[in-house]
């Protein structure tokens, strides 16, 4: 429906209304553009029609309601570099920082999210952190889920340079993020896991070890392991990335294993997990195995647990060697792990998949189907 309105040429007249007419009309035009701007073509026309400057002017001049609607419209186009440059040059940053003291959850969440987008500019990120460090920590503990979600997002955007990572950790930003990992909505948990991953992802190895040790002492490991097994895709993906970063040095990897992370990781491979989960767990296992493979094999005294780990690592190696994308939202594997790992165990004396079906093994694995029920000749993909 949005695309039909956009194709009818309604965006340009709405942009004109942002500067003409009563304040009520201007606010309603901003609200309409906030809706139409969710369409990719609508975004392009809004930008090319001078909508950035008009929305920013309405933000400066308008009521609290107008500010909310103009920020909502700007959020649709803020990912564009040209728009971010216009907004920063136009002086919107100081206004947004002032709005962080607002008592309106909608104004707060919009202002934080927009500042997070603008923090792509390193000077803005520095300014954002210096002016709002204490306030950001407070907002991570706000009662409104959307405010906490956008604050975690903003922290992750600030934490893209080592000096800022260190300041954020020293400002005790980890504790409220850890609480969000445990108690927030799934979206909040995903954002918190992403922020923790960014905090740990220091380019300086000494700082990486220092921050990772601090994160482990703050007990982020257990909630990250819980999120790794989540059916919420962003939770699982962000938790996997954070754990891989934490395990990326010998010292921190050993510390993770000493905290008993290996068995919970392997337990996520049992039963009939999705391919995407297996690959995410395998990435964490591989990060740990880079420095601790022998001790990991010894720790998994049960042969079945060792085999699960080895199969997962082999599957990961297969995907990396073939440059295959990590599947997302795949159906659960229907026939257990033996069929899933069949293509990486072809050297075994006992072949799991009949030779007549081996040429279709990769399609079977990617689709998450039960090998025993697949005919020798697969039907067209659109029929599966």
Protein backbone atom coordinates (compact mmCIF):
# COMPACT_ATOMS: atom_id res chain seq x y z
CA UNK A 1 0.00 0.00 0.00
CA UNK A 2 2.84 2.39 0.85
CA UNK A 3 4.44 1.80 -2.53
CA UNK A 4 1.19 2.69 -4.27
CA UNK A 5 0.97 6.03 -2.48
CA UNK A 6 4.63 6.68 -3.28
CA UNK A 7 4.10 5.78 -6.95
CA UNK A 8 1.17 8.20 -7.04
CA UNK A 9 3.63 11.02 -6.28
CA UNK A 10 2.41 11.92 -2.80
CA UNK A 11 5.83 12.27 -1.18
CA UNK A 12 6.85 15.58 -2.80
CA UNK A 13 3.63 17.44 -1.81
CA UNK A 14 4.02 16.17 1.75
CA UNK A 15 7.60 17.46 1.85
CA UNK A 16 6.29 20.85 0.74
CA UNK A 17 3.74 20.82 3.56
CA UNK A 18 6.57 20.45 6.09
CA UNK A 19 7.43 24.11 5.52
CA UNK A 20 4.01 25.60 4.74
CA UNK A 21 0.76 25.75 6.62
CA UNK A 22 -0.12 25.49 10.28
CA UNK A 23 1.99 23.61 12.80
CA UNK A 24 -0.69 20.92 12.98
CA UNK A 25 -0.53 20.41 9.20
CA UNK A 26 3.25 20.24 9.27
CA UNK A 27 3.17 17.62 12.04
CA UNK A 28 0.66 15.49 10.17
CA UNK A 29 2.82 15.70 7.03
CA UNK A 30 5.83 14.50 9.06
CA UNK A 31 3.76 11.61 10.44
CA UNK A 32 2.70 10.61 6.92
CA UNK A 33 6.30 10.78 5.69
CA UNK A 34 7.36 8.65 8.64
CA UNK A 35 5.01 5.99 7.34
CA UNK A 36 5.84 6.30 3.64
CA UNK A 37 9.56 6.53 4.43
CA UNK A 38 9.52 2.88 5.45
CA UNK A 39 9.30 2.06 1.73
CA UNK A 40 12.69 2.01 -0.03
CA UNK A 41 11.47 4.15 -2.94
CA UNK A 42 9.80 6.51 -0.51
CA UNK A 43 13.11 7.00 1.29
CA UNK A 44 14.90 7.92 -1.93
CA UNK A 45 12.24 10.42 -2.97
CA UNK A 46 12.12 11.92 0.52
CA UNK A 47 15.88 12.51 0.44
CA UNK A 48 15.98 13.82 -3.13
CA UNK A 49 13.05 16.18 -2.44
CA UNK A 50 14.91 17.98 0.35
CA UNK A 51 13.04 16.21 3.11
CA UNK A 52 16.04 16.03 5.42
CA UNK A 53 16.34 19.78 5.83
CA UNK A 54 12.57 20.28 6.08
CA UNK A 55 12.19 17.61 8.75
CA UNK A 56 15.13 19.00 10.68
CA UNK A 57 13.63 22.51 10.57
CA UNK A 58 10.33 21.17 11.85
CA UNK A 59 12.21 19.41 14.64
CA UNK A 60 13.80 22.73 15.65
CA UNK A 61 10.59 24.77 15.49
CA UNK A 62 7.82 22.33 16.37
CA UNK A 63 6.06 21.17 19.49
CA UNK A 64 7.03 18.02 21.40
CA UNK A 65 4.64 16.04 19.19
CA UNK A 66 6.19 17.52 16.04
CA UNK A 67 9.65 16.64 17.31
CA UNK A 68 8.60 13.02 17.81
CA UNK A 69 7.09 12.73 14.34
CA UNK A 70 10.03 14.42 12.62
CA UNK A 71 12.50 12.15 14.43
CA UNK A 72 10.46 9.09 13.42
CA UNK A 73 10.64 10.19 9.78
CA UNK A 74 14.36 10.98 10.03
CA UNK A 75 15.08 7.54 11.49
CA UNK A 76 13.96 5.96 8.20
CA UNK A 77 16.59 7.86 6.21
CA UNK A 78 19.34 8.24 8.84
CA UNK A 79 21.19 5.08 7.69
CA UNK A 80 22.11 7.04 4.53
CA UNK A 81 25.52 8.69 4.89
CA UNK A 82 24.46 11.87 3.07
CA UNK A 83 21.53 12.32 5.47
CA UNK A 84 23.74 11.82 8.52
CA UNK A 85 26.17 14.44 7.24
CA UNK A 86 23.31 16.91 6.69
CA UNK A 87 21.95 16.33 10.17
CA UNK A 88 25.32 16.74 11.88
CA UNK A 89 26.15 19.84 9.85
CA UNK A 90 22.70 21.26 10.63
CA UNK A 91 23.37 21.17 14.37
CA UNK A 92 20.82 18.56 15.41
CA UNK A 93 23.22 16.75 17.77
CA UNK A 94 22.98 19.28 20.62
CA UNK A 95 19.18 19.24 20.38
CA UNK A 96 19.08 15.45 20.56
CA UNK A 97 21.41 15.40 23.56
CA UNK A 98 19.09 17.82 25.33
CA UNK A 99 16.14 15.52 24.60
CA UNK A 100 17.83 12.72 26.56
CA UNK A 101 16.43 14.44 29.66
CA UNK A 102 12.87 14.12 28.35
CA UNK A 103 10.25 12.26 30.39
CA UNK A 104 8.44 11.05 27.28
CA UNK A 105 9.43 7.44 26.44
CA UNK A 106 8.75 8.02 22.74
CA UNK A 107 10.89 11.16 22.58
CA UNK A 108 13.63 9.43 24.54
CA UNK A 109 13.73 6.30 22.39
CA UNK A 110 13.68 8.30 19.13
CA UNK A 111 16.42 10.68 20.30
CA UNK A 112 18.65 7.84 21.53
CA UNK A 113 18.18 5.82 18.35
CA UNK A 114 18.87 8.81 16.13
CA UNK A 115 22.00 9.63 18.14
CA UNK A 116 23.06 6.01 17.76
CA UNK A 117 22.77 6.33 13.99
CA UNK A 118 24.70 9.61 13.96
CA UNK A 119 27.43 8.03 16.13
CA UNK A 120 28.74 6.49 12.92
CA UNK A 121 30.64 9.81 12.85
CA UNK A 122 33.49 9.36 15.33
CA UNK A 123 33.34 12.95 16.56
CA UNK A 124 29.64 12.57 17.27
CA UNK A 125 30.32 9.30 19.10
CA UNK A 126 32.91 11.04 21.29
CA UNK A 127 30.54 13.91 22.01
CA UNK A 128 27.66 11.53 22.71
CA UNK A 129 29.68 9.56 25.25
CA UNK A 130 31.21 12.55 27.01
CA UNK A 131 27.87 14.36 27.36
CA UNK A 132 25.67 11.40 28.27
CA UNK A 133 27.68 8.68 29.99
CA UNK A 134 25.82 8.75 33.31
CA UNK A 135 22.47 9.27 31.59
CA UNK A 136 22.98 6.27 29.32
CA UNK A 137 23.66 4.04 32.31
CA UNK A 138 20.43 5.30 33.88
CA UNK A 139 18.44 4.73 30.70
CA UNK A 140 19.62 1.12 30.46
CA UNK A 141 17.63 0.62 33.67
CA UNK A 142 14.54 2.51 32.49
CA UNK A 143 11.15 0.86 32.91
CA UNK A 144 10.29 1.31 29.22
CA UNK A 145 11.49 -1.57 27.02
CA UNK A 146 11.92 0.57 23.91
CA UNK A 147 14.08 3.08 25.80
CA UNK A 148 16.30 0.26 27.09
CA UNK A 149 16.47 -1.32 23.64
CA UNK A 150 17.59 1.89 21.93
CA UNK A 151 20.05 2.69 24.73
CA UNK A 152 21.73 -0.70 24.31
CA UNK A 153 21.86 0.01 20.56
CA UNK A 154 23.45 3.41 21.22
CA UNK A 155 26.07 1.88 23.54
CA UNK A 156 27.02 -0.60 20.82
CA UNK A 157 27.47 2.26 18.34
CA UNK A 158 29.61 4.25 20.77
CA UNK A 159 31.77 1.22 21.56
CA UNK A 160 33.54 1.15 18.20
CA UNK A 161 36.88 2.60 19.35
CA UNK A 162 39.20 1.27 22.03
CA UNK A 163 39.34 4.46 24.08
CA UNK A 164 35.55 4.62 24.24
CA UNK A 165 35.30 0.91 25.07
CA UNK A 166 37.57 1.43 28.06
CA UNK A 167 35.62 4.46 29.28
CA UNK A 168 32.29 2.63 28.97
CA UNK A 169 33.58 -0.36 30.96
CA UNK A 170 35.10 1.86 33.64
CA UNK A 171 31.78 3.74 33.87
CA UNK A 172 30.14 0.46 34.96
CA UNK A 173 28.05 0.09 31.82
CA UNK A 174 28.45 -3.71 31.93
CA UNK A 175 26.22 -4.31 34.97
CA UNK A 176 22.99 -2.86 33.51
CA UNK A 177 23.73 -4.56 30.18
CA UNK A 178 24.08 -7.87 32.01
CA UNK A 179 20.73 -7.33 33.74
CA UNK A 180 19.20 -6.62 30.35
CA UNK A 181 20.64 -9.92 29.08
CA UNK A 182 18.77 -11.73 31.84
CA UNK A 183 15.55 -9.78 32.26
CA UNK A 184 14.78 -7.86 29.06
CA UNK A 185 12.56 -8.70 26.12
CA UNK A 186 14.13 -10.78 23.37
CA UNK A 187 14.88 -7.65 21.35
CA UNK A 188 16.48 -6.03 24.41
CA UNK A 189 18.53 -9.16 25.08
CA UNK A 190 19.74 -9.22 21.48
CA UNK A 191 20.76 -5.55 21.67
CA UNK A 192 22.53 -6.10 25.01
CA UNK A 193 24.44 -9.10 23.62
CA UNK A 194 25.52 -6.99 20.64
CA UNK A 195 26.68 -4.19 22.96
CA UNK A 196 28.69 -6.64 25.08
CA UNK A 197 30.30 -8.03 21.94
CA UNK A 198 31.28 -4.53 20.83
CA UNK A 199 32.71 -3.69 24.26
CA UNK A 200 34.93 -6.78 24.12
CA UNK A 201 35.97 -6.35 20.49
CA UNK A 202 39.04 -4.22 21.20
CA UNK A 203 41.75 -4.02 18.56
CA UNK A 204 44.47 -3.80 21.22
CA UNK A 205 45.03 -7.34 22.50
CA UNK A 206 45.88 -6.28 26.03
CA UNK A 207 42.72 -4.24 26.27
CA UNK A 208 40.72 -7.11 24.79
CA UNK A 209 42.00 -9.44 27.52
CA UNK A 210 41.33 -6.84 30.21
CA UNK A 211 37.76 -6.11 29.11
CA UNK A 212 37.00 -9.79 28.48
CA UNK A 213 38.20 -10.68 31.97
CA UNK A 214 36.02 -7.91 33.40
CA UNK A 215 33.00 -9.19 31.46
CA UNK A 216 33.55 -12.74 32.70
CA UNK A 217 33.86 -11.50 36.28
CA UNK A 218 30.57 -9.65 35.76
CA UNK A 219 29.03 -13.06 34.97
CA UNK A 220 27.89 -12.44 31.43
CA UNK A 221 28.87 -15.97 30.37
CA UNK A 222 25.80 -17.84 31.60
CA UNK A 223 23.18 -15.50 30.06
CA UNK A 224 25.13 -15.46 26.78
CA UNK A 225 25.11 -19.26 26.71
CA UNK A 226 21.37 -19.22 27.36
CA UNK A 227 20.84 -16.78 24.48
CA UNK A 228 22.98 -18.90 22.17
CA UNK A 229 20.35 -21.62 22.42
CA UNK A 230 17.48 -19.18 21.90
CA UNK A 231 15.04 -19.54 19.00
CA UNK A 232 15.18 -15.74 18.60
CA UNK A 233 17.58 -15.38 15.69
CA UNK A 234 19.20 -12.09 16.69
CA UNK A 235 19.66 -13.28 20.28
CA UNK A 236 21.41 -16.44 19.13
CA UNK A 237 23.53 -14.70 16.48
CA UNK A 238 24.67 -11.83 18.73
CA UNK A 239 25.41 -14.19 21.62
CA UNK A 240 27.54 -16.37 19.33
CA UNK A 241 29.54 -13.36 18.16
CA UNK A 242 30.07 -12.08 21.71
CA UNK A 243 31.22 -15.50 22.92
CA UNK A 244 33.60 -15.87 19.98
CA UNK A 245 35.18 -12.52 20.83
CA UNK A 246 35.48 -13.44 24.51
CA UNK A 247 37.14 -16.75 23.56
CA UNK A 248 39.57 -15.22 21.07
CA UNK A 249 42.65 -15.28 23.32
CA UNK A 250 44.24 -18.21 25.14
CA UNK A 251 43.78 -16.60 28.55
CA UNK A 252 40.11 -15.73 28.12
CA UNK A 253 39.34 -19.00 26.34
CA UNK A 254 40.84 -20.96 29.22
CA UNK A 255 38.86 -18.86 31.69
CA UNK A 256 35.63 -19.64 29.83
CA UNK A 257 36.37 -23.36 29.93
CA UNK A 258 37.26 -23.17 33.61
CA UNK A 259 33.84 -21.66 34.23
CA UNK A 260 32.25 -24.82 32.84
CA UNK A 261 31.06 -23.54 29.47
CA UNK A 262 32.02 -26.61 27.41
CA UNK A 263 29.26 -29.01 28.46
CA UNK A 264 26.45 -26.44 28.05
CA UNK A 265 27.80 -25.68 24.57
CA UNK A 266 27.87 -29.33 23.55
CA UNK A 267 24.41 -29.91 25.05
CA UNK A 268 23.05 -27.40 22.52
CA UNK A 269 24.09 -29.85 19.77
CA UNK A 270 22.00 -32.71 21.15
CA UNK A 271 18.59 -33.71 19.91
CA UNK A 272 17.50 -32.20 16.62
CA UNK A 273 18.86 -28.63 16.55
CA UNK A 274 18.58 -26.29 13.60
CA UNK A 275 21.55 -26.04 11.26
CA UNK A 276 21.93 -22.35 12.10
CA UNK A 277 22.26 -23.15 15.81
CA UNK A 278 24.84 -25.87 15.18
CA UNK A 279 26.98 -23.50 13.13
CA UNK A 280 26.77 -20.75 15.75
CA UNK A 281 27.73 -23.15 18.53
CA UNK A 282 30.51 -24.52 16.34
CA UNK A 283 31.98 -21.04 15.89
CA UNK A 284 32.26 -20.67 19.67
CA UNK A 285 33.74 -24.18 20.00
CA UNK A 286 36.26 -23.40 17.28
CA UNK A 287 37.31 -20.18 19.02
CA UNK A 288 37.88 -22.16 22.20
CA UNK A 289 39.59 -25.04 20.37
CA UNK A 290 42.14 -22.73 18.75
CA UNK A 291 43.99 -22.73 22.07
CA UNK A 292 42.44 -25.56 24.09
CA UNK A 293 41.56 -28.45 21.74
CA UNK A 294 43.32 -31.18 23.74
CA UNK A 295 41.85 -30.15 27.07
CA UNK A 296 38.40 -29.94 25.47
CA UNK A 297 38.68 -33.50 24.16
CA UNK A 298 39.76 -34.70 27.59
CA UNK A 299 36.94 -32.85 29.33
CA UNK A 300 34.36 -34.54 27.11
CA UNK A 301 34.96 -38.00 28.44
CA UNK A 302 31.82 -39.42 26.85
CA UNK A 303 32.47 -40.51 23.29
CA UNK A 304 29.07 -39.25 22.11
CA UNK A 305 29.81 -35.71 23.36
CA UNK A 306 33.22 -35.73 21.69
CA UNK A 307 31.64 -36.86 18.44
CA UNK A 308 29.02 -34.10 18.59
CA UNK A 309 31.74 -31.48 19.01
CA UNK A 310 33.91 -32.96 16.23
CA UNK A 311 30.96 -33.19 13.85
CA UNK A 312 29.97 -29.58 14.52
CA UNK A 313 33.53 -28.37 13.92
CA UNK A 314 33.72 -30.39 10.71
CA UNK A 315 30.44 -28.94 9.49
CA UNK A 316 31.71 -25.43 10.22
CA UNK A 317 34.92 -26.15 8.31
CA UNK A 318 32.87 -27.45 5.38
CA UNK A 319 30.79 -24.26 5.28
CA UNK A 320 33.86 -22.06 5.47
CA UNK A 321 35.77 -23.99 2.82
CA UNK A 322 32.82 -23.74 0.42
CA UNK A 323 32.07 -20.14 1.48
CA UNK A 324 28.49 -21.10 2.27
CA UNK A 325 26.25 -18.61 4.11
CA UNK A 326 25.03 -19.43 7.60
CA UNK A 327 21.41 -20.58 7.26
CA UNK A 328 18.76 -18.52 9.05
CA UNK A 329 15.39 -19.75 10.33
CA UNK A 330 15.78 -23.27 8.95
CA UNK A 331 13.35 -26.03 9.98
CA UNK A 332 14.58 -28.48 12.58
CA UNK A 333 16.54 -31.46 11.29
CA UNK A 334 14.11 -34.32 10.96
CA UNK A 335 16.29 -37.37 11.41
CA UNK A 336 18.82 -36.38 14.05
CA UNK A 337 22.47 -35.38 13.88
CA UNK A 338 23.81 -38.36 11.92
CA UNK A 339 22.05 -37.24 8.76
CA UNK A 340 23.01 -33.61 9.35
CA UNK A 341 26.71 -34.38 9.44
CA UNK A 342 26.66 -36.96 6.66
CA UNK A 343 28.50 -34.77 4.15
CA UNK A 344 31.44 -34.24 6.49
CA UNK A 345 31.80 -37.92 7.39
CA UNK A 346 32.14 -39.35 3.91
CA UNK A 347 35.51 -40.85 4.77
CA UNK A 348 33.86 -43.07 7.39
CA UNK A 349 33.74 -46.82 6.57
CA UNK A 350 29.98 -46.79 7.21
CA UNK A 351 28.30 -44.30 4.92
CA UNK A 352 25.16 -42.74 6.35
CA UNK A 353 23.67 -41.64 3.02
CA UNK A 354 23.37 -44.16 0.16
CA UNK A 355 25.81 -43.49 -2.64
CA UNK A 356 22.93 -42.91 -5.06
CA UNK A 357 21.81 -39.98 -2.92
CA UNK A 358 25.20 -38.44 -2.12
CA UNK A 359 25.02 -35.95 -5.01
CA UNK A 360 21.93 -34.44 -3.31
CA UNK A 361 23.45 -34.40 0.17
CA UNK A 362 24.18 -30.69 0.23
CA UNK A 363 20.64 -29.76 -0.79
CA UNK A 364 19.27 -32.11 1.85
CA UNK A 365 21.45 -30.59 4.55
CA UNK A 366 20.70 -26.98 3.58
CA UNK A 367 16.96 -27.62 3.56
CA UNK A 368 17.01 -29.49 6.87
CA UNK A 369 15.18 -32.52 5.50
CA UNK A 370 15.04 -36.15 6.68
CA UNK A 371 17.47 -38.05 4.44
CA UNK A 372 15.65 -41.36 4.90
CA UNK A 373 12.50 -39.87 3.35
CA UNK A 374 14.12 -38.14 0.37
CA UNK A 375 13.80 -39.84 -3.05
CA UNK A 376 16.88 -40.44 -5.13
CA UNK A 377 15.89 -37.60 -7.46
CA UNK A 378 14.92 -34.44 -5.61
CA UNK A 379 11.88 -32.49 -6.84
CA UNK A 380 12.37 -28.85 -7.91
CA UNK A 381 13.16 -26.59 -4.97
CA UNK A 382 9.89 -24.70 -5.30
CA UNK A 383 8.04 -27.97 -4.72
CA UNK A 384 9.89 -28.87 -1.50
